[in-house]
Amino acid sequence: MTNPDPICPLCLRPIPQGVRQSHHHLIPKLKGGKGGETILVHHICHQEVHATLTESELARDYNTPGALRTHPRLATFFRWVSKRPPDFHSRSTGGRRKRKR
């Protein structure tokens, strides 16, 4: 009997073996999360999280899978990607978060 594939806690799709995946630190390493809790996610989901939120926002307000799913932009992305096959991957179009000047 084989173990079922892990489920991405962000888009809720399975993560089959061989699919691009990442470990996301719930508290960014630069904000004190080194050695802290991580979650296994699709690489595309991980890219979108870091393209959308700053390390400070992640540490302060979005340090759980549930909180990440409530962010308006990420919620839209996770709904969209959840309709794609588990091995779907697309290149990120670059950072989308607003830069402070």
PDB file of N, CA and C in Angstrom:
ATOM      1  N   MET A   1       0.845  -1.181   0.000  1.00  0.00           N
ATOM      2  CA  MET A   1       0.000   0.000   0.000  1.00  0.00           C
ATOM      3  C   MET A   1       0.889   1.243   0.000  1.00  0.00           C
ATOM      4  N   THR A   2       0.639   2.175  -0.911  1.00  0.00           N
ATOM      5  CA  THR A   2       1.454   3.376  -0.996  1.00  0.00           C
ATOM      6  C   THR A   2       0.830   4.491  -0.174  1.00  0.00           C
ATOM      7  N   ASN A   3       1.698   5.362   0.296  1.00  0.00           N
ATOM      8  CA  ASN A   3       1.212   6.513   1.054  1.00  0.00           C
ATOM      9  C   ASN A   3       0.593   7.514   0.091  1.00  0.00           C
ATOM     10  N   PRO A   4      -0.492   8.155   0.480  1.00  0.00           N
ATOM     11  CA  PRO A   4      -1.071   9.173  -0.393  1.00  0.00           C
ATOM     12  C   PRO A   4      -0.117  10.373  -0.486  1.00  0.00           C
ATOM     13  N   ASP A   5      -0.232  11.090  -1.596  1.00  0.00           N
ATOM     14  CA  ASP A   5       0.604  12.275  -1.775  1.00  0.00           C
ATOM     15  C   ASP A   5       0.248  13.313  -0.718  1.00  0.00           C
ATOM     16  N   PRO A   6       1.257  14.062  -0.236  1.00  0.00           N
ATOM     17  CA  PRO A   6       0.943  15.154   0.692  1.00  0.00           C
ATOM     18  C   PRO A   6       0.080  16.195  -0.020  1.00  0.00           C
ATOM     19  N   ILE A   7      -0.665  16.956   0.746  1.00  0.00           N
ATOM     20  CA  ILE A   7      -1.545  17.998   0.217  1.00  0.00           C
ATOM     21  C   ILE A   7      -0.924  19.364   0.515  1.00  0.00           C
ATOM     22  N   CYS A   8      -0.875  20.213  -0.486  1.00  0.00           N
ATOM     23  CA  CYS A   8      -0.392  21.583  -0.293  1.00  0.00           C
ATOM     24  C   CYS A   8      -1.412  22.310   0.582  1.00  0.00           C
ATOM     25  N   PRO A   9      -0.997  22.850   1.733  1.00  0.00           N
ATOM     26  CA  PRO A   9      -1.947  23.523   2.620  1.00  0.00           C
ATOM     27  C   PRO A   9      -2.410  24.885   2.098  1.00  0.00           C
ATOM     28  N   LEU A  10      -1.860  25.315   0.963  1.00  0.00           N
ATOM     29  CA  LEU A  10      -2.257  26.609   0.409  1.00  0.00           C
ATOM     30  C   LEU A  10      -3.306  26.450  -0.693  1.00  0.00           C
ATOM     31  N   CYS A  11      -3.008  25.626  -1.699  1.00  0.00           N
ATOM     32  CA  CYS A  11      -3.965  25.447  -2.808  1.00  0.00           C
ATOM     33  C   CYS A  11      -4.799  24.184  -2.651  1.00  0.00           C
ATOM     34  N   LEU A  12      -4.442  23.349  -1.678  1.00  0.00           N
ATOM     35  CA  LEU A  12      -5.167  22.121  -1.342  1.00  0.00           C
ATOM     36  C   LEU A  12      -5.124  21.054  -2.435  1.00  0.00           C
ATOM     37  N   ARG A  13      -4.127  21.153  -3.342  1.00  0.00           N
ATOM     38  CA  ARG A  13      -3.916  20.108  -4.350  1.00  0.00           C
ATOM     39  C   ARG A  13      -2.872  19.134  -3.832  1.00  0.00           C
ATOM     40  N   PRO A  14      -2.899  17.874  -4.319  1.00  0.00           N
ATOM     41  CA  PRO A  14      -1.850  16.929  -3.941  1.00  0.00           C
ATOM     42  C   PRO A  14      -0.495  17.382  -4.483  1.00  0.00           C
ATOM     43  N   ILE A  15       0.558  16.951  -3.804  1.00  0.00           N
ATOM     44  CA  ILE A  15       1.923  17.222  -4.255  1.00  0.00           C
ATOM     45  C   ILE A  15       2.566  15.869  -4.589  1.00  0.00           C
ATOM     46  N   PRO A  16       2.392  15.384  -5.826  1.00  0.00           N
ATOM     47  CA  PRO A  16       2.959  14.084  -6.184  1.00  0.00           C
ATOM     48  C   PRO A  16       4.488  14.116  -6.169  1.00  0.00           C
ATOM     49  N   GLN A  17       5.071  12.952  -5.971  1.00  0.00           N
ATOM     50  CA  GLN A  17       6.522  12.842  -6.003  1.00  0.00           C
ATOM     51  C   GLN A  17       7.019  13.315  -7.366  1.00  0.00           C
ATOM     52  N   GLY A  18       8.093  14.064  -7.386  1.00  0.00           N
ATOM     53  CA  GLY A  18       8.667  14.556  -8.630  1.00  0.00           C
ATOM     54  C   GLY A  18       8.157  15.918  -9.059  1.00  0.00           C
ATOM     55  N   VAL A  19       7.094  16.411  -8.422  1.00  0.00           N
ATOM     56  CA  VAL A  19       6.565  17.736  -8.738  1.00  0.00           C
ATOM     57  C   VAL A  19       7.411  18.775  -8.001  1.00  0.00           C
ATOM     58  N   ARG A  20       7.636  19.925  -8.637  1.00  0.00           N
ATOM     59  CA  ARG A  20       8.411  20.986  -7.984  1.00  0.00           C
ATOM     60  C   ARG A  20       7.716  21.389  -6.696  1.00  0.00           C
ATOM     61  N   GLN A  21       8.463  21.338  -5.608  1.00  0.00           N
ATOM     62  CA  GLN A  21       7.912  21.631  -4.286  1.00  0.00           C
ATOM     63  C   GLN A  21       8.939  22.399  -3.463  1.00  0.00           C
ATOM     64  N   SER A  22       8.480  23.040  -2.422  1.00  0.00           N
ATOM     65  CA  SER A  22       9.332  23.846  -1.551  1.00  0.00           C
ATOM     66  C   SER A  22       8.873  23.693  -0.112  1.00  0.00           C
ATOM     67  N   HIS A  23       9.782  23.987   0.797  1.00  0.00           N
ATOM     68  CA  HIS A  23       9.428  24.099   2.215  1.00  0.00           C
ATOM     69  C   HIS A  23       9.356  25.586   2.524  1.00  0.00           C
ATOM     70  N   HIS A  24       8.193  26.027   2.970  1.00  0.00           N
ATOM     71  CA  HIS A  24       7.990  27.433   3.313  1.00  0.00           C
ATOM     72  C   HIS A  24       8.102  27.596   4.818  1.00  0.00           C
ATOM     73  N   HIS A  25       8.991  28.491   5.258  1.00  0.00           N
ATOM     74  CA  HIS A  25       9.105  28.820   6.680  1.00  0.00           C
ATOM     75  C   HIS A  25       7.934  29.717   7.056  1.00  0.00           C
ATOM     76  N   LEU A  26       7.130  29.295   8.019  1.00  0.00           N
ATOM     77  CA  LEU A  26       5.986  30.101   8.418  1.00  0.00           C
ATOM     78  C   LEU A  26       6.425  31.440   8.998  1.00  0.00           C
ATOM     79  N   ILE A  27       7.516  31.457   9.732  1.00  0.00           N
ATOM     80  CA  ILE A  27       8.171  32.704  10.140  1.00  0.00           C
ATOM     81  C   ILE A  27       9.448  32.766   9.304  1.00  0.00           C
ATOM     82  N   PRO A  28       9.620  33.798   8.475  1.00  0.00           N
ATOM     83  CA  PRO A  28      10.812  33.865   7.628  1.00  0.00           C
ATOM     84  C   PRO A  28      12.106  33.750   8.448  1.00  0.00           C
ATOM     85  N   LYS A  29      13.092  33.092   7.849  1.00  0.00           N
ATOM     86  CA  LYS A  29      14.367  32.904   8.543  1.00  0.00           C
ATOM     87  C   LYS A  29      14.968  34.241   8.970  1.00  0.00           C
ATOM     88  N   LEU A  30      14.841  35.260   8.128  1.00  0.00           N
ATOM     89  CA  LEU A  30      15.399  36.569   8.447  1.00  0.00           C
ATOM     90  C   LEU A  30      14.669  37.269   9.589  1.00  0.00           C
ATOM     91  N   LYS A  31      13.495  36.767   9.940  1.00  0.00           N
ATOM     92  CA  LYS A  31      12.694  37.362  11.015  1.00  0.00           C
ATOM     93  C   LYS A  31      12.613  36.438  12.233  1.00  0.00           C
ATOM     94  N   GLY A  32      13.601  35.555  12.391  1.00  0.00           N
ATOM     95  CA  GLY A  32      13.653  34.697  13.570  1.00  0.00           C
ATOM     96  C   GLY A  32      13.117  33.294  13.385  1.00  0.00           C
ATOM     97  N   GLY A  33      12.788  32.919  12.149  1.00  0.00           N
ATOM     98  CA  GLY A  33      12.201  31.608  11.910  1.00  0.00           C
ATOM     99  C   GLY A  33      13.184  30.509  11.544  1.00  0.00           C
ATOM    100  N   LYS A  34      14.485  30.796  11.591  1.00  0.00           N
ATOM    101  CA  LYS A  34      15.467  29.759  11.263  1.00  0.00           C
ATOM    102  C   LYS A  34      15.304  28.595  12.233  1.00  0.00           C
ATOM    103  N   GLY A  35      15.122  27.406  11.688  1.00  0.00           N
ATOM    104  CA  GLY A  35      14.891  26.234  12.528  1.00  0.00           C
ATOM    105  C   GLY A  35      13.449  26.099  12.978  1.00  0.00           C
ATOM    106  N   GLY A  36      12.603  27.017  12.542  1.00  0.00           N
ATOM    107  CA  GLY A  36      11.193  26.982  12.929  1.00  0.00           C
ATOM    108  C   GLY A  36      10.364  26.099  12.026  1.00  0.00           C
ATOM    109  N   GLU A  37       9.061  26.139  12.238  1.00  0.00           N
ATOM    110  CA  GLU A  37       8.130  25.282  11.507  1.00  0.00           C
ATOM    111  C   GLU A  37       8.097  25.632  10.018  1.00  0.00           C
ATOM    112  N   THR A  38       8.081  24.590   9.191  1.00  0.00           N
ATOM    113  CA  THR A  38       7.936  24.759   7.749  1.00  0.00           C
ATOM    114  C   THR A  38       6.746  23.937   7.270  1.00  0.00           C
ATOM    115  N   ILE A  39       6.241  24.310   6.104  1.00  0.00           N
ATOM    116  CA  ILE A  39       5.172  23.536   5.466  1.00  0.00           C
ATOM    117  C   ILE A  39       5.629  23.193   4.052  1.00  0.00           C
ATOM    118  N   LEU A  40       5.258  22.008   3.588  1.00  0.00           N
ATOM    119  CA  LEU A  40       5.564  21.576   2.230  1.00  0.00           C
ATOM    120  C   LEU A  40       4.484  22.119   1.310  1.00  0.00           C
ATOM    121  N   VAL A  41       4.902  22.867   0.281  1.00  0.00           N
ATOM    122  CA  VAL A  41       3.969  23.495  -0.653  1.00  0.00           C
ATOM    123  C   VAL A  41       4.468  23.309  -2.080  1.00  0.00           C
ATOM    124  N   HIS A  42       3.570  23.503  -3.052  1.00  0.00           N
ATOM    125  CA  HIS A  42       3.998  23.537  -4.448  1.00  0.00           C
ATOM    126  C   HIS A  42       4.942  24.718  -4.627  1.00  0.00           C
ATOM    127  N   HIS A  43       5.922  24.557  -5.490  1.00  0.00           N
ATOM    128  CA  HIS A  43       6.877  25.637  -5.742  1.00  0.00           C
ATOM    129  C   HIS A  43       6.158  26.882  -6.267  1.00  0.00           C
ATOM    130  N   ILE A  44       5.164  26.699  -7.136  1.00  0.00           N
ATOM    131  CA  ILE A  44       4.440  27.842  -7.696  1.00  0.00           C
ATOM    132  C   ILE A  44       3.689  28.610  -6.595  1.00  0.00           C
ATOM    133  N   CYS A  45       3.145  27.894  -5.625  1.00  0.00           N
ATOM    134  CA  CYS A  45       2.459  28.548  -4.502  1.00  0.00           C
ATOM    135  C   CYS A  45       3.466  29.335  -3.658  1.00  0.00           C
ATOM    136  N   HIS A  46       4.631  28.740  -3.427  1.00  0.00           N
ATOM    137  CA  HIS A  46       5.681  29.387  -2.648  1.00  0.00           C
ATOM    138  C   HIS A  46       6.145  30.666  -3.349  1.00  0.00           C
ATOM    139  N   GLN A  47       6.335  30.589  -4.659  1.00  0.00           N
ATOM    140  CA  GLN A  47       6.761  31.772  -5.413  1.00  0.00           C
ATOM    141  C   GLN A  47       5.738  32.898  -5.282  1.00  0.00           C
ATOM    142  N   GLU A  48       4.465  32.552  -5.366  1.00  0.00           N
ATOM    143  CA  GLU A  48       3.419  33.572  -5.297  1.00  0.00           C
ATOM    144  C   GLU A  48       3.375  34.231  -3.918  1.00  0.00           C
ATOM    145  N   VAL A  49       3.569  33.451  -2.868  1.00  0.00           N
ATOM    146  CA  VAL A  49       3.592  34.011  -1.512  1.00  0.00           C
ATOM    147  C   VAL A  49       4.691  35.068  -1.411  1.00  0.00           C
ATOM    148  N   HIS A  50       5.894  34.728  -1.878  1.00  0.00           N
ATOM    149  CA  HIS A  50       7.013  35.664  -1.740  1.00  0.00           C
ATOM    150  C   HIS A  50       6.966  36.804  -2.751  1.00  0.00           C
ATOM    151  N   ALA A  51       6.253  36.632  -3.855  1.00  0.00           N
ATOM    152  CA  ALA A  51       6.072  37.733  -4.801  1.00  0.00           C
ATOM    153  C   ALA A  51       5.034  38.724  -4.286  1.00  0.00           C
ATOM    154  N   THR A  52       4.185  38.283  -3.374  1.00  0.00           N
ATOM    155  CA  THR A  52       3.079  39.111  -2.895  1.00  0.00           C
ATOM    156  C   THR A  52       3.384  39.811  -1.573  1.00  0.00           C
ATOM    157  N   LEU A  53       4.046  39.107  -0.656  1.00  0.00           N
ATOM    158  CA  LEU A  53       4.225  39.631   0.706  1.00  0.00           C
ATOM    159  C   LEU A  53       5.689  39.844   1.053  1.00  0.00           C
ATOM    160  N   THR A  54       5.927  40.834   1.892  1.00  0.00           N
ATOM    161  CA  THR A  54       7.280  41.077   2.393  1.00  0.00           C
ATOM    162  C   THR A  54       7.571  40.113   3.545  1.00  0.00           C
ATOM    163  N   GLU A  55       8.834  39.995   3.896  1.00  0.00           N
ATOM    164  CA  GLU A  55       9.224  39.149   5.027  1.00  0.00           C
ATOM    165  C   GLU A  55       8.543  39.640   6.309  1.00  0.00           C
ATOM    166  N   SER A  56       8.455  40.954   6.484  1.00  0.00           N
ATOM    167  CA  SER A  56       7.808  41.513   7.683  1.00  0.00           C
ATOM    168  C   SER A  56       6.327  41.167   7.726  1.00  0.00           C
ATOM    169  N   GLU A  57       5.637  41.277   6.587  1.00  0.00           N
ATOM    170  CA  GLU A  57       4.211  40.924   6.538  1.00  0.00           C
ATOM    171  C   GLU A  57       4.010  39.448   6.848  1.00  0.00           C
ATOM    172  N   LEU A  58       4.891  38.605   6.299  1.00  0.00           N
ATOM    173  CA  LEU A  58       4.801  37.173   6.566  1.00  0.00           C
ATOM    174  C   LEU A  58       4.968  36.891   8.054  1.00  0.00           C
ATOM    175  N   ALA A  59       5.963  37.494   8.677  1.00  0.00           N
ATOM    176  CA  ALA A  59       6.230  37.240  10.097  1.00  0.00           C
ATOM    177  C   ALA A  59       5.114  37.776  10.988  1.00  0.00           C
ATOM    178  N   ARG A  60       4.611  38.954  10.663  1.00  0.00           N
ATOM    179  CA  ARG A  60       3.648  39.637  11.526  1.00  0.00           C
ATOM    180  C   ARG A  60       2.209  39.132  11.337  1.00  0.00           C
ATOM    181  N   ASP A  61       1.757  39.027  10.082  1.00  0.00           N
ATOM    182  CA  ASP A  61       0.335  38.801   9.835  1.00  0.00           C
ATOM    183  C   ASP A  61      -0.021  37.508   9.104  1.00  0.00           C
ATOM    184  N   TYR A  62       0.928  36.911   8.429  1.00  0.00           N
ATOM    185  CA  TYR A  62       0.615  35.769   7.560  1.00  0.00           C
ATOM    186  C   TYR A  62       1.516  34.579   7.876  1.00  0.00           C
ATOM    187  N   ASN A  63       1.529  34.159   9.145  1.00  0.00           N
ATOM    188  CA  ASN A  63       2.450  33.105   9.580  1.00  0.00           C
ATOM    189  C   ASN A  63       1.765  31.758   9.813  1.00  0.00           C
ATOM    190  N   THR A  64       0.596  31.571   9.202  1.00  0.00           N
ATOM    191  CA  THR A  64      -0.083  30.274   9.217  1.00  0.00           C
ATOM    192  C   THR A  64      -0.642  30.026   7.813  1.00  0.00           C
ATOM    193  N   PRO A  65      -0.848  28.773   7.440  1.00  0.00           N
ATOM    194  CA  PRO A  65      -1.464  28.517   6.135  1.00  0.00           C
ATOM    195  C   PRO A  65      -2.843  29.178   6.013  1.00  0.00           C
ATOM    196  N   GLY A  66      -3.627  29.149   7.080  1.00  0.00           N
ATOM    197  CA  GLY A  66      -4.950  29.772   7.051  1.00  0.00           C
ATOM    198  C   GLY A  66      -4.877  31.268   6.808  1.00  0.00           C
ATOM    199  N   ALA A  67      -3.938  31.927   7.461  1.00  0.00           N
ATOM    200  CA  ALA A  67      -3.776  33.369   7.266  1.00  0.00           C
ATOM    201  C   ALA A  67      -3.344  33.672   5.833  1.00  0.00           C
ATOM    202  N   LEU A  68      -2.440  32.873   5.289  1.00  0.00           N
ATOM    203  CA  LEU A  68      -2.005  33.082   3.906  1.00  0.00           C
ATOM    204  C   LEU A  68      -3.181  32.947   2.939  1.00  0.00           C
ATOM    205  N   ARG A  69      -4.059  31.990   3.203  1.00  0.00           N
ATOM    206  CA  ARG A  69      -5.209  31.781   2.319  1.00  0.00           C
ATOM    207  C   ARG A  69      -6.220  32.930   2.400  1.00  0.00           C
ATOM    208  N   THR A  70      -6.166  33.745   3.465  1.00  0.00           N
ATOM    209  CA  THR A  70      -7.113  34.863   3.592  1.00  0.00           C
ATOM    210  C   THR A  70      -6.637  36.128   2.895  1.00  0.00           C
ATOM    211  N   HIS A  71      -5.364  36.209   2.530  1.00  0.00           N
ATOM    212  CA  HIS A  71      -4.877  37.410   1.846  1.00  0.00           C
ATOM    213  C   HIS A  71      -5.610  37.503   0.502  1.00  0.00           C
ATOM    214  N   PRO A  72      -6.208  38.657   0.190  1.00  0.00           N
ATOM    215  CA  PRO A  72      -7.048  38.751  -1.011  1.00  0.00           C
ATOM    216  C   PRO A  72      -6.355  38.299  -2.305  1.00  0.00           C
ATOM    217  N   ARG A  73      -5.157  38.766  -2.554  1.00  0.00           N
ATOM    218  CA  ARG A  73      -4.456  38.399  -3.787  1.00  0.00           C
ATOM    219  C   ARG A  73      -4.105  36.912  -3.795  1.00  0.00           C
ATOM    220  N   LEU A  74      -3.606  36.415  -2.659  1.00  0.00           N
ATOM    221  CA  LEU A  74      -3.239  35.000  -2.587  1.00  0.00           C
ATOM    222  C   LEU A  74      -4.469  34.106  -2.678  1.00  0.00           C
ATOM    223  N   ALA A  75      -5.570  34.512  -2.064  1.00  0.00           N
ATOM    224  CA  ALA A  75      -6.801  33.722  -2.141  1.00  0.00           C
ATOM    225  C   ALA A  75      -7.238  33.558  -3.591  1.00  0.00           C
ATOM    226  N   THR A  76      -7.156  34.633  -4.363  1.00  0.00           N
ATOM    227  CA  THR A  76      -7.506  34.573  -5.780  1.00  0.00           C
ATOM    228  C   THR A  76      -6.563  33.627  -6.518  1.00  0.00           C
ATOM    229  N   PHE A  77      -5.272  33.747  -6.240  1.00  0.00           N
ATOM    230  CA  PHE A  77      -4.292  32.871  -6.895  1.00  0.00           C
ATOM    231  C   PHE A  77      -4.532  31.412  -6.521  1.00  0.00           C
ATOM    232  N   PHE A  78      -4.726  31.122  -5.237  1.00  0.00           N
ATOM    233  CA  PHE A  78      -4.913  29.732  -4.809  1.00  0.00           C
ATOM    234  C   PHE A  78      -6.184  29.130  -5.418  1.00  0.00           C
ATOM    235  N   ARG A  79      -7.239  29.923  -5.539  1.00  0.00           N
ATOM    236  CA  ARG A  79      -8.461  29.439  -6.205  1.00  0.00           C
ATOM    237  C   ARG A  79      -8.165  29.108  -7.670  1.00  0.00           C
ATOM    238  N   TRP A  80      -7.428  29.991  -8.344  1.00  0.00           N
ATOM    239  CA  TRP A  80      -7.091  29.795  -9.750  1.00  0.00           C
ATOM    240  C   TRP A  80      -6.220  28.547  -9.935  1.00  0.00           C
ATOM    241  N   VAL A  81      -5.146  28.458  -9.160  1.00  0.00           N
ATOM    242  CA  VAL A  81      -4.212  27.344  -9.353  1.00  0.00           C
ATOM    243  C   VAL A  81      -4.825  26.021  -8.905  1.00  0.00           C
ATOM    244  N   SER A  82      -5.792  26.047  -8.016  1.00  0.00           N
ATOM    245  CA  SER A  82      -6.416  24.803  -7.548  1.00  0.00           C
ATOM    246  C   SER A  82      -7.146  24.082  -8.678  1.00  0.00           C
ATOM    247  N   LYS A  83      -7.450  24.793  -9.752  1.00  0.00           N
ATOM    248  CA  LYS A  83      -8.122  24.193 -10.908  1.00  0.00           C
ATOM    249  C   LYS A  83      -7.124  23.608 -11.909  1.00  0.00           C
ATOM    250  N   ARG A  84      -5.837  23.724 -11.631  1.00  0.00           N
ATOM    251  CA  ARG A  84      -4.783  23.213 -12.509  1.00  0.00           C
ATOM    252  C   ARG A  84      -4.338  21.844 -12.018  1.00  0.00           C
ATOM    253  N   PRO A  85      -3.716  21.047 -12.900  1.00  0.00           N
ATOM    254  CA  PRO A  85      -3.203  19.741 -12.456  1.00  0.00           C
ATOM    255  C   PRO A  85      -2.125  19.920 -11.383  1.00  0.00           C
ATOM    256  N   PRO A  86      -1.911  18.918 -10.524  1.00  0.00           N
ATOM    257  CA  PRO A  86      -0.923  19.041  -9.450  1.00  0.00           C
ATOM    258  C   PRO A  86       0.494  19.338  -9.933  1.00  0.00           C
ATOM    259  N   ASP A  87       0.821  18.954 -11.184  1.00  0.00           N
ATOM    260  CA  ASP A  87       2.181  19.203 -11.672  1.00  0.00           C
ATOM    261  C   ASP A  87       2.285  20.509 -12.462  1.00  0.00           C
ATOM    262  N   PHE A  88       1.211  21.329 -12.465  1.00  0.00           N
ATOM    263  CA  PHE A  88       1.228  22.599 -13.187  1.00  0.00           C
ATOM    264  C   PHE A  88       2.270  23.523 -12.584  1.00  0.00           C
ATOM    265  N   HIS A  89       3.050  24.144 -13.463  1.00  0.00           N
ATOM    266  CA  HIS A  89       4.015  25.142 -13.019  1.00  0.00           C
ATOM    267  C   HIS A  89       4.150  26.186 -14.110  1.00  0.00           C
ATOM    268  N   SER A  90       4.213  27.412 -13.726  1.00  0.00           N
ATOM    269  CA  SER A  90       4.366  28.521 -14.652  1.00  0.00           C
ATOM    270  C   SER A  90       5.399  29.464 -14.070  1.00  0.00           C
ATOM    271  N   ARG A  91       6.148  30.082 -14.935  1.00  0.00           N
ATOM    272  CA  ARG A  91       7.127  31.063 -14.454  1.00  0.00           C
ATOM    273  C   ARG A  91       6.407  32.263 -13.863  1.00  0.00           C
ATOM    274  N   SER A  92       6.918  32.736 -12.757  1.00  0.00           N
ATOM    275  CA  SER A  92       6.350  33.926 -12.125  1.00  0.00           C
ATOM    276  C   SER A  92       6.632  35.132 -13.011  1.00  0.00           C
ATOM    277  N   THR A  93       5.725  36.079 -13.028  1.00  0.00           N
ATOM    278  CA  THR A  93       5.917  37.294 -13.823  1.00  0.00           C
ATOM    279  C   THR A  93       6.725  38.330 -13.056  1.00  0.00           C
ATOM    280  N   GLY A  94       7.267  37.953 -11.917  1.00  0.00           N
ATOM    281  CA  GLY A  94       8.071  38.890 -11.144  1.00  0.00           C
ATOM    282  C   GLY A  94       7.333  39.381  -9.912  1.00  0.00           C
ATOM    283  N   GLY A  95       8.029  40.168  -9.126  1.00  0.00           N
ATOM    284  CA  GLY A  95       7.453  40.672  -7.888  1.00  0.00           C
ATOM    285  C   GLY A  95       6.246  41.548  -8.140  1.00  0.00           C
ATOM    286  N   ARG A  96       5.246  41.417  -7.295  1.00  0.00           N
ATOM    287  CA  ARG A  96       4.032  42.199  -7.445  1.00  0.00           C
ATOM    288  C   ARG A  96       3.798  43.098  -6.242  1.00  0.00           C
ATOM    289  N   ARG A  97       4.526  42.882  -5.177  1.00  0.00           N
ATOM    290  CA  ARG A  97       4.263  43.682  -3.978  1.00  0.00           C
ATOM    291  C   ARG A  97       4.778  45.105  -4.200  1.00  0.00           C
ATOM    292  N   LYS A  98       4.148  46.014  -3.538  1.00  0.00           N
ATOM    293  CA  LYS A  98       4.513  47.421  -3.677  1.00  0.00           C
ATOM    294  C   LYS A  98       5.800  47.667  -2.923  1.00  0.00           C
ATOM    295  N   ARG A  99       6.712  48.310  -3.575  1.00  0.00           N
ATOM    296  CA  ARG A  99       7.996  48.667  -2.965  1.00  0.00           C
ATOM    297  C   ARG A  99       7.870  50.039  -2.320  1.00  0.00           C
ATOM    298  N   LYS A 100       8.442  50.158  -1.131  1.00  0.00           N
ATOM    299  CA  LYS A 100       8.452  51.466  -0.466  1.00  0.00           C
ATOM    300  C   LYS A 100       9.654  52.238  -0.963  1.00  0.00           C
ATOM    301  N   ARG A 101       9.434  53.510  -1.257  1.00  0.00           N
ATOM    302  CA  ARG A 101      10.537  54.347  -1.749  1.00  0.00           C
ATOM    303  C   ARG A 101      10.944  55.352  -0.728  1.00  0.00           C
TER     304      ARG A 101
END
